[in-house]
C-alpha cells in the first residue's frame, strides 16, 4: 500500500509540477522553526530553514536558483 502511495505522489509531482517546468516546494513546521525543500524534477535542495514558512520558502528559492546557475555553468 505504501509503494502505491509513493508512486501516486511521484506521478502527481511529475504531472502537475515538473512537466510544466514548475518548482515543487514542501514545508515542514518543526514547532520552533520551519524547514523547506524545493525540487524541479532534476535538482533538489533541502534543509532550508527559517523562523516562518515564508522565510523557509524564500531560502529554498534562493538555494534552488543558485544550484540551477551552477548546473548551467558546467
PDB file of N, CA and C in Angstrom:
ATOM      1  N   UNK A   1       0.816  -1.189   0.000  1.00  0.00           N
ATOM      2  CA  UNK A   1       0.000   0.000   0.000  1.00  0.00           C
ATOM      3  C   UNK A   1       0.867   1.262   0.000  1.00  0.00           C
ATOM      4  N   UNK A   2       1.952   1.237   0.757  1.00  0.00           N
ATOM      5  CA  UNK A   2       2.837   2.403   0.826  1.00  0.00           C
ATOM      6  C   UNK A   2       3.504   2.649  -0.525  1.00  0.00           C
ATOM      7  N   UNK A   3       3.861   1.578  -1.218  1.00  0.00           N
ATOM      8  CA  UNK A   3       4.503   1.724  -2.524  1.00  0.00           C
ATOM      9  C   UNK A   3       3.564   2.390  -3.511  1.00  0.00           C
ATOM     10  N   UNK A   4       2.307   2.023  -3.476  1.00  0.00           N
ATOM     11  CA  UNK A   4       1.321   2.639  -4.371  1.00  0.00           C
ATOM     12  C   UNK A   4       1.181   4.123  -4.054  1.00  0.00           C
ATOM     13  N   UNK A   5       1.146   4.458  -2.758  1.00  0.00           N
ATOM     14  CA  UNK A   5       1.043   5.864  -2.354  1.00  0.00           C
ATOM     15  C   UNK A   5       2.216   6.675  -2.895  1.00  0.00           C
ATOM     16  N   UNK A   6       3.442   6.179  -2.733  1.00  0.00           N
ATOM     17  CA  UNK A   6       4.614   6.923  -3.209  1.00  0.00           C
ATOM     18  C   UNK A   6       4.623   7.020  -4.730  1.00  0.00           C
ATOM     19  N   UNK A   7       4.128   5.983  -5.416  1.00  0.00           N
ATOM     20  CA  UNK A   7       4.056   6.043  -6.867  1.00  0.00           C
ATOM     21  C   UNK A   7       3.067   7.125  -7.296  1.00  0.00           C
ATOM     22  N   UNK A   8       1.935   7.201  -6.620  1.00  0.00           N
ATOM     23  CA  UNK A   8       0.927   8.215  -6.951  1.00  0.00           C
ATOM     24  C   UNK A   8       1.471   9.611  -6.689  1.00  0.00           C
ATOM     25  N   UNK A   9       2.149   9.815  -5.547  1.00  0.00           N
ATOM     26  CA  UNK A   9       2.736  11.126  -5.230  1.00  0.00           C
ATOM     27  C   UNK A   9       3.787  11.504  -6.272  1.00  0.00           C
ATOM     28  N   UNK A  10       4.654  10.564  -6.630  1.00  0.00           N
ATOM     29  CA  UNK A  10       5.674  10.839  -7.637  1.00  0.00           C
ATOM     30  C   UNK A  10       5.084  11.175  -8.991  1.00  0.00           C
ATOM     31  N   UNK A  11       4.058  10.437  -9.383  1.00  0.00           N
ATOM     32  CA  UNK A  11       3.406  10.724 -10.654  1.00  0.00           C
ATOM     33  C   UNK A  11       2.729  12.082 -10.614  1.00  0.00           C
ATOM     34  N   UNK A  12       2.043  12.418  -9.525  1.00  0.00           N
ATOM     35  CA  UNK A  12       1.366  13.714  -9.411  1.00  0.00           C
ATOM     36  C   UNK A  12       2.366  14.863  -9.481  1.00  0.00           C
ATOM     37  N   UNK A  13       3.502  14.731  -8.781  1.00  0.00           N
ATOM     38  CA  UNK A  13       4.528  15.775  -8.848  1.00  0.00           C
ATOM     39  C   UNK A  13       5.020  15.957 -10.275  1.00  0.00           C
ATOM     40  N   UNK A  14       5.255  14.834 -10.979  1.00  0.00           N
ATOM     41  CA  UNK A  14       5.706  14.948 -12.358  1.00  0.00           C
ATOM     42  C   UNK A  14       4.630  15.603 -13.219  1.00  0.00           C
ATOM     43  N   UNK A  15       3.410  15.165 -13.088  1.00  0.00           N
ATOM     44  CA  UNK A  15       2.337  15.657 -13.941  1.00  0.00           C
ATOM     45  C   UNK A  15       2.030  17.123 -13.676  1.00  0.00           C
ATOM     46  N   UNK A  16       1.956  17.518 -12.424  1.00  0.00           N
ATOM     47  CA  UNK A  16       1.484  18.857 -12.088  1.00  0.00           C
ATOM     48  C   UNK A  16       2.603  19.887 -12.012  1.00  0.00           C
ATOM     49  N   UNK A  17       3.811  19.507 -11.608  1.00  0.00           N
ATOM     50  CA  UNK A  17       4.891  20.468 -11.397  1.00  0.00           C
ATOM     51  C   UNK A  17       5.996  20.351 -12.444  1.00  0.00           C
ATOM     52  N   UNK A  18       6.674  19.211 -12.461  1.00  0.00           N
ATOM     53  CA  UNK A  18       7.905  19.086 -13.237  1.00  0.00           C
ATOM     54  C   UNK A  18       7.662  19.130 -14.738  1.00  0.00           C
ATOM     55  N   UNK A  19       6.581  18.549 -15.202  1.00  0.00           N
ATOM     56  CA  UNK A  19       6.280  18.540 -16.631  1.00  0.00           C
ATOM     57  C   UNK A  19       6.068  19.958 -17.147  1.00  0.00           C
ATOM     58  N   UNK A  20       5.557  20.831 -16.312  1.00  0.00           N
ATOM     59  CA  UNK A  20       5.276  22.213 -16.695  1.00  0.00           C
ATOM     60  C   UNK A  20       6.441  23.156 -16.396  1.00  0.00           C
ATOM     61  N   UNK A  21       7.538  22.645 -15.877  1.00  0.00           N
ATOM     62  CA  UNK A  21       8.683  23.485 -15.566  1.00  0.00           C
ATOM     63  C   UNK A  21       8.557  24.232 -14.253  1.00  0.00           C
ATOM     64  N   UNK A  22       7.636  23.809 -13.413  1.00  0.00           N
ATOM     65  CA  UNK A  22       7.440  24.466 -12.125  1.00  0.00           C
ATOM     66  C   UNK A  22       8.365  23.860 -11.071  1.00  0.00           C
ATOM     67  N   UNK A  23       8.445  24.526  -9.946  1.00  0.00           N
ATOM     68  CA  UNK A  23       9.237  24.047  -8.824  1.00  0.00           C
ATOM     69  C   UNK A  23       8.289  23.637  -7.709  1.00  0.00           C
ATOM     70  N   UNK A  24       8.530  22.470  -7.132  1.00  0.00           N
ATOM     71  CA  UNK A  24       7.707  21.940  -6.040  1.00  0.00           C
ATOM     72  C   UNK A  24       8.365  22.307  -4.719  1.00  0.00           C
ATOM     73  N   UNK A  25       7.634  22.995  -3.858  1.00  0.00           N
ATOM     74  CA  UNK A  25       8.110  23.370  -2.530  1.00  0.00           C
ATOM     75  C   UNK A  25       7.361  22.554  -1.490  1.00  0.00           C
ATOM     76  N   UNK A  26       8.088  22.097  -0.499  1.00  0.00           N
ATOM     77  CA  UNK A  26       7.482  21.410   0.643  1.00  0.00           C
ATOM     78  C   UNK A  26       8.002  22.069   1.907  1.00  0.00           C
ATOM     79  N   UNK A  27       7.104  22.299   2.861  1.00  0.00           N
ATOM     80  CA  UNK A  27       7.469  22.964   4.114  1.00  0.00           C
ATOM     81  C   UNK A  27       7.016  22.093   5.278  1.00  0.00           C
ATOM     82  N   UNK A  28       7.918  21.934   6.250  1.00  0.00           N
ATOM     83  CA  UNK A  28       7.610  21.219   7.475  1.00  0.00           C
ATOM     84  C   UNK A  28       7.735  22.184   8.638  1.00  0.00           C
ATOM     85  N   UNK A  29       6.713  22.217   9.483  1.00  0.00           N
ATOM     86  CA  UNK A  29       6.741  23.048  10.688  1.00  0.00           C
ATOM     87  C   UNK A  29       7.268  22.191  11.827  1.00  0.00           C
ATOM     88  N   UNK A  30       8.453  22.529  12.317  1.00  0.00           N
ATOM     89  CA  UNK A  30       9.088  21.746  13.367  1.00  0.00           C
ATOM     90  C   UNK A  30       8.749  22.266  14.764  1.00  0.00           C
ATOM     91  N   UNK A  31       7.889  23.249  14.849  1.00  0.00           N
ATOM     92  CA  UNK A  31       7.495  23.802  16.130  1.00  0.00           C
ATOM     93  C   UNK A  31       8.270  25.057  16.468  1.00  0.00           C
ATOM     94  N   UNK A  32       9.579  24.974  16.493  1.00  0.00           N
ATOM     95  CA  UNK A  32      10.427  26.118  16.815  1.00  0.00           C
ATOM     96  C   UNK A  32      11.001  26.782  15.566  1.00  0.00           C
ATOM     97  N   UNK A  33      10.933  26.111  14.438  1.00  0.00           N
ATOM     98  CA  UNK A  33      11.367  26.664  13.159  1.00  0.00           C
ATOM     99  C   UNK A  33      10.721  25.868  12.029  1.00  0.00           C
ATOM    100  N   UNK A  34      10.882  26.336  10.825  1.00  0.00           N
ATOM    101  CA  UNK A  34      10.324  25.657   9.656  1.00  0.00           C
ATOM    102  C   UNK A  34      11.451  25.202   8.747  1.00  0.00           C
ATOM    103  N   UNK A  35      11.237  24.095   8.096  1.00  0.00           N
ATOM    104  CA  UNK A  35      12.208  23.506   7.179  1.00  0.00           C
ATOM    105  C   UNK A  35      11.532  23.352   5.823  1.00  0.00           C
ATOM    106  N   UNK A  36      12.246  23.674   4.741  1.00  0.00           N
ATOM    107  CA  UNK A  36      11.664  23.583   3.405  1.00  0.00           C
ATOM    108  C   UNK A  36      12.602  22.836   2.469  1.00  0.00           C
ATOM    109  N   UNK A  37      12.008  22.288   1.414  1.00  0.00           N
ATOM    110  CA  UNK A  37      12.775  21.699   0.322  1.00  0.00           C
ATOM    111  C   UNK A  37      12.156  22.169  -0.981  1.00  0.00           C
ATOM    112  N   UNK A  38      12.965  22.164  -2.038  1.00  0.00           N
ATOM    113  CA  UNK A  38      12.492  22.576  -3.354  1.00  0.00           C
ATOM    114  C   UNK A  38      13.057  21.615  -4.388  1.00  0.00           C
ATOM    115  N   UNK A  39      12.246  21.299  -5.399  1.00  0.00           N
ATOM    116  CA  UNK A  39      12.680  20.397  -6.453  1.00  0.00           C
ATOM    117  C   UNK A  39      12.061  20.812  -7.777  1.00  0.00           C
ATOM    118  N   UNK A  40      12.860  20.716  -8.835  1.00  0.00           N
ATOM    119  CA  UNK A  40      12.342  20.973 -10.175  1.00  0.00           C
ATOM    120  C   UNK A  40      12.285  19.693 -10.998  1.00  0.00           C
ATOM    121  N   UNK A  41      12.447  18.554 -10.360  1.00  0.00           N
ATOM    122  CA  UNK A  41      12.418  17.272 -11.041  1.00  0.00           C
ATOM    123  C   UNK A  41      13.802  16.757 -11.367  1.00  0.00           C
ATOM    124  N   UNK A  42      14.781  17.641 -11.459  1.00  0.00           N
ATOM    125  CA  UNK A  42      16.157  17.252 -11.738  1.00  0.00           C
ATOM    126  C   UNK A  42      17.042  17.571 -10.541  1.00  0.00           C
ATOM    127  N   UNK A  43      16.911  18.784 -10.026  1.00  0.00           N
ATOM    128  CA  UNK A  43      17.670  19.222  -8.862  1.00  0.00           C
ATOM    129  C   UNK A  43      16.751  19.317  -7.651  1.00  0.00           C
ATOM    130  N   UNK A  44      17.294  18.981  -6.495  1.00  0.00           N
ATOM    131  CA  UNK A  44      16.550  19.097  -5.247  1.00  0.00           C
ATOM    132  C   UNK A  44      17.450  19.715  -4.194  1.00  0.00           C
ATOM    133  N   UNK A  45      16.918  20.692  -3.470  1.00  0.00           N
ATOM    134  CA  UNK A  45      17.622  21.257  -2.318  1.00  0.00           C
ATOM    135  C   UNK A  45      16.745  21.030  -1.097  1.00  0.00           C
ATOM    136  N   UNK A  46      17.385  20.791   0.035  1.00  0.00           N
ATOM    137  CA  UNK A  46      16.649  20.573   1.257  1.00  0.00           C
ATOM    138  C   UNK A  46      17.406  21.229   2.400  1.00  0.00           C
ATOM    139  N   UNK A  47      16.869  21.125   3.599  1.00  0.00           N
ATOM    140  CA  UNK A  47      17.423  21.754   4.800  1.00  0.00           C
ATOM    141  C   UNK A  47      17.505  23.265   4.654  1.00  0.00           C
ATOM    142  N   UNK A  48      16.446  23.868   4.165  1.00  0.00           N
ATOM    143  CA  UNK A  48      16.338  25.326   4.065  1.00  0.00           C
ATOM    144  C   UNK A  48      15.491  25.778   5.251  1.00  0.00           C
ATOM    145  N   UNK A  49      16.147  26.364   6.233  1.00  0.00           N
ATOM    146  CA  UNK A  49      15.472  26.695   7.483  1.00  0.00           C
ATOM    147  C   UNK A  49      15.079  28.161   7.536  1.00  0.00           C
ATOM    148  N   UNK A  50      14.019  28.451   8.285  1.00  0.00           N
ATOM    149  CA  UNK A  50      13.556  29.800   8.538  1.00  0.00           C
ATOM    150  C   UNK A  50      12.653  29.800   9.753  1.00  0.00           C
ATOM    151  N   UNK A  51      12.470  30.972  10.350  1.00  0.00           N
ATOM    152  CA  UNK A  51      11.619  31.023  11.539  1.00  0.00           C
ATOM    153  C   UNK A  51      10.141  30.995  11.176  1.00  0.00           C
ATOM    154  N   UNK A  52       9.801  31.293   9.918  1.00  0.00           N
ATOM    155  CA  UNK A  52       8.421  31.198   9.438  1.00  0.00           C
ATOM    156  C   UNK A  52       8.421  30.390   8.137  1.00  0.00           C
ATOM    157  N   UNK A  53       7.270  29.869   7.723  1.00  0.00           N
ATOM    158  CA  UNK A  53       7.222  29.129   6.445  1.00  0.00           C
ATOM    159  C   UNK A  53       7.635  29.999   5.254  1.00  0.00           C
ATOM    160  N   UNK A  54       7.283  31.264   5.280  1.00  0.00           N
ATOM    161  CA  UNK A  54       7.642  32.160   4.178  1.00  0.00           C
ATOM    162  C   UNK A  54       9.154  32.331   4.075  1.00  0.00           C
ATOM    163  N   UNK A  55       9.832  32.456   5.208  1.00  0.00           N
ATOM    164  CA  UNK A  55      11.288  32.591   5.190  1.00  0.00           C
ATOM    165  C   UNK A  55      11.960  31.300   4.728  1.00  0.00           C
ATOM    166  N   UNK A  56      11.415  30.162   5.123  1.00  0.00           N
ATOM    167  CA  UNK A  56      11.975  28.885   4.686  1.00  0.00           C
ATOM    168  C   UNK A  56      11.812  28.718   3.177  1.00  0.00           C
ATOM    169  N   UNK A  57      10.658  29.103   2.630  1.00  0.00           N
ATOM    170  CA  UNK A  57      10.445  29.024   1.182  1.00  0.00           C
ATOM    171  C   UNK A  57      11.358  30.005   0.458  1.00  0.00           C
ATOM    172  N   UNK A  58      11.545  31.183   1.023  1.00  0.00           N
ATOM    173  CA  UNK A  58      12.444  32.167   0.417  1.00  0.00           C
ATOM    174  C   UNK A  58      13.870  31.622   0.344  1.00  0.00           C
ATOM    175  N   UNK A  59      14.321  30.949   1.401  1.00  0.00           N
ATOM    176  CA  UNK A  59      15.649  30.341   1.406  1.00  0.00           C
ATOM    177  C   UNK A  59      15.721  29.216   0.378  1.00  0.00           C
ATOM    178  N   UNK A  60      14.659  28.420   0.253  1.00  0.00           N
ATOM    179  CA  UNK A  60      14.631  27.330  -0.728  1.00  0.00           C
ATOM    180  C   UNK A  60      14.677  27.888  -2.148  1.00  0.00           C
ATOM    181  N   UNK A  61      13.960  28.988  -2.406  1.00  0.00           N
ATOM    182  CA  UNK A  61      14.002  29.621  -3.725  1.00  0.00           C
ATOM    183  C   UNK A  61      15.409  30.099  -4.052  1.00  0.00           C
ATOM    184  N   UNK A  62      16.060  30.705  -3.086  1.00  0.00           N
ATOM    185  CA  UNK A  62      17.423  31.192  -3.300  1.00  0.00           C
ATOM    186  C   UNK A  62      18.377  30.038  -3.589  1.00  0.00           C
ATOM    187  N   UNK A  63      18.276  28.961  -2.809  1.00  0.00           N
ATOM    188  CA  UNK A  63      19.202  27.844  -2.983  1.00  0.00           C
ATOM    189  C   UNK A  63      18.958  27.082  -4.284  1.00  0.00           C
ATOM    190  N   UNK A  64      17.695  26.924  -4.706  1.00  0.00           N
ATOM    191  CA  UNK A  64      17.434  26.224  -5.980  1.00  0.00           C
ATOM    192  C   UNK A  64      17.894  27.083  -7.144  1.00  0.00           C
ATOM    193  N   UNK A  65      17.729  28.404  -7.037  1.00  0.00           N
ATOM    194  CA  UNK A  65      18.197  29.300  -8.088  1.00  0.00           C
ATOM    195  C   UNK A  65      19.719  29.226  -8.211  1.00  0.00           C
ATOM    196  N   UNK A  66      20.401  29.222  -7.080  1.00  0.00           N
ATOM    197  CA  UNK A  66      21.865  29.140  -7.080  1.00  0.00           C
ATOM    198  C   UNK A  66      22.330  27.789  -7.635  1.00  0.00           C
ATOM    199  N   UNK A  67      21.650  26.700  -7.268  1.00  0.00           N
ATOM    200  CA  UNK A  67      22.010  25.369  -7.779  1.00  0.00           C
ATOM    201  C   UNK A  67      21.782  25.278  -9.278  1.00  0.00           C
ATOM    202  N   UNK A  68      20.710  25.898  -9.783  1.00  0.00           N
ATOM    203  CA  UNK A  68      20.447  25.870 -11.223  1.00  0.00           C
ATOM    204  C   UNK A  68      21.494  26.696 -11.986  1.00  0.00           C
ATOM    205  N   UNK A  69      21.955  27.796 -11.408  1.00  0.00           N
ATOM    206  CA  UNK A  69      23.014  28.586 -12.035  1.00  0.00           C
ATOM    207  C   UNK A  69      24.314  27.804 -12.093  1.00  0.00           C
ATOM    208  N   UNK A  70      24.637  27.102 -11.008  1.00  0.00           N
ATOM    209  CA  UNK A  70      25.850  26.279 -11.002  1.00  0.00           C
ATOM    210  C   UNK A  70      25.746  25.134 -12.006  1.00  0.00           C
ATOM    211  N   UNK A  71      24.562  24.573 -12.166  1.00  0.00           N
ATOM    212  CA  UNK A  71      24.352  23.483 -13.128  1.00  0.00           C
ATOM    213  C   UNK A  71      24.576  23.980 -14.552  1.00  0.00           C
ATOM    214  N   UNK A  72      24.145  25.208 -14.832  1.00  0.00           N
ATOM    215  CA  UNK A  72      24.300  25.765 -16.186  1.00  0.00           C
ATOM    216  C   UNK A  72      25.755  26.097 -16.495  1.00  0.00           C
ATOM    217  N   UNK A  73      26.556  26.442 -15.477  1.00  0.00           N
ATOM    218  CA  UNK A  73      27.966  26.751 -15.687  1.00  0.00           C
ATOM    219  C   UNK A  73      28.730  25.525 -16.148  1.00  0.00           C
ATOM    220  N   UNK A  74      28.342  24.357 -15.652  1.00  0.00           N
ATOM    221  CA  UNK A  74      29.050  23.128 -16.004  1.00  0.00           C
ATOM    222  C   UNK A  74      28.617  22.707 -17.336  1.00  0.00           C
TER     223      UNK A  74
END
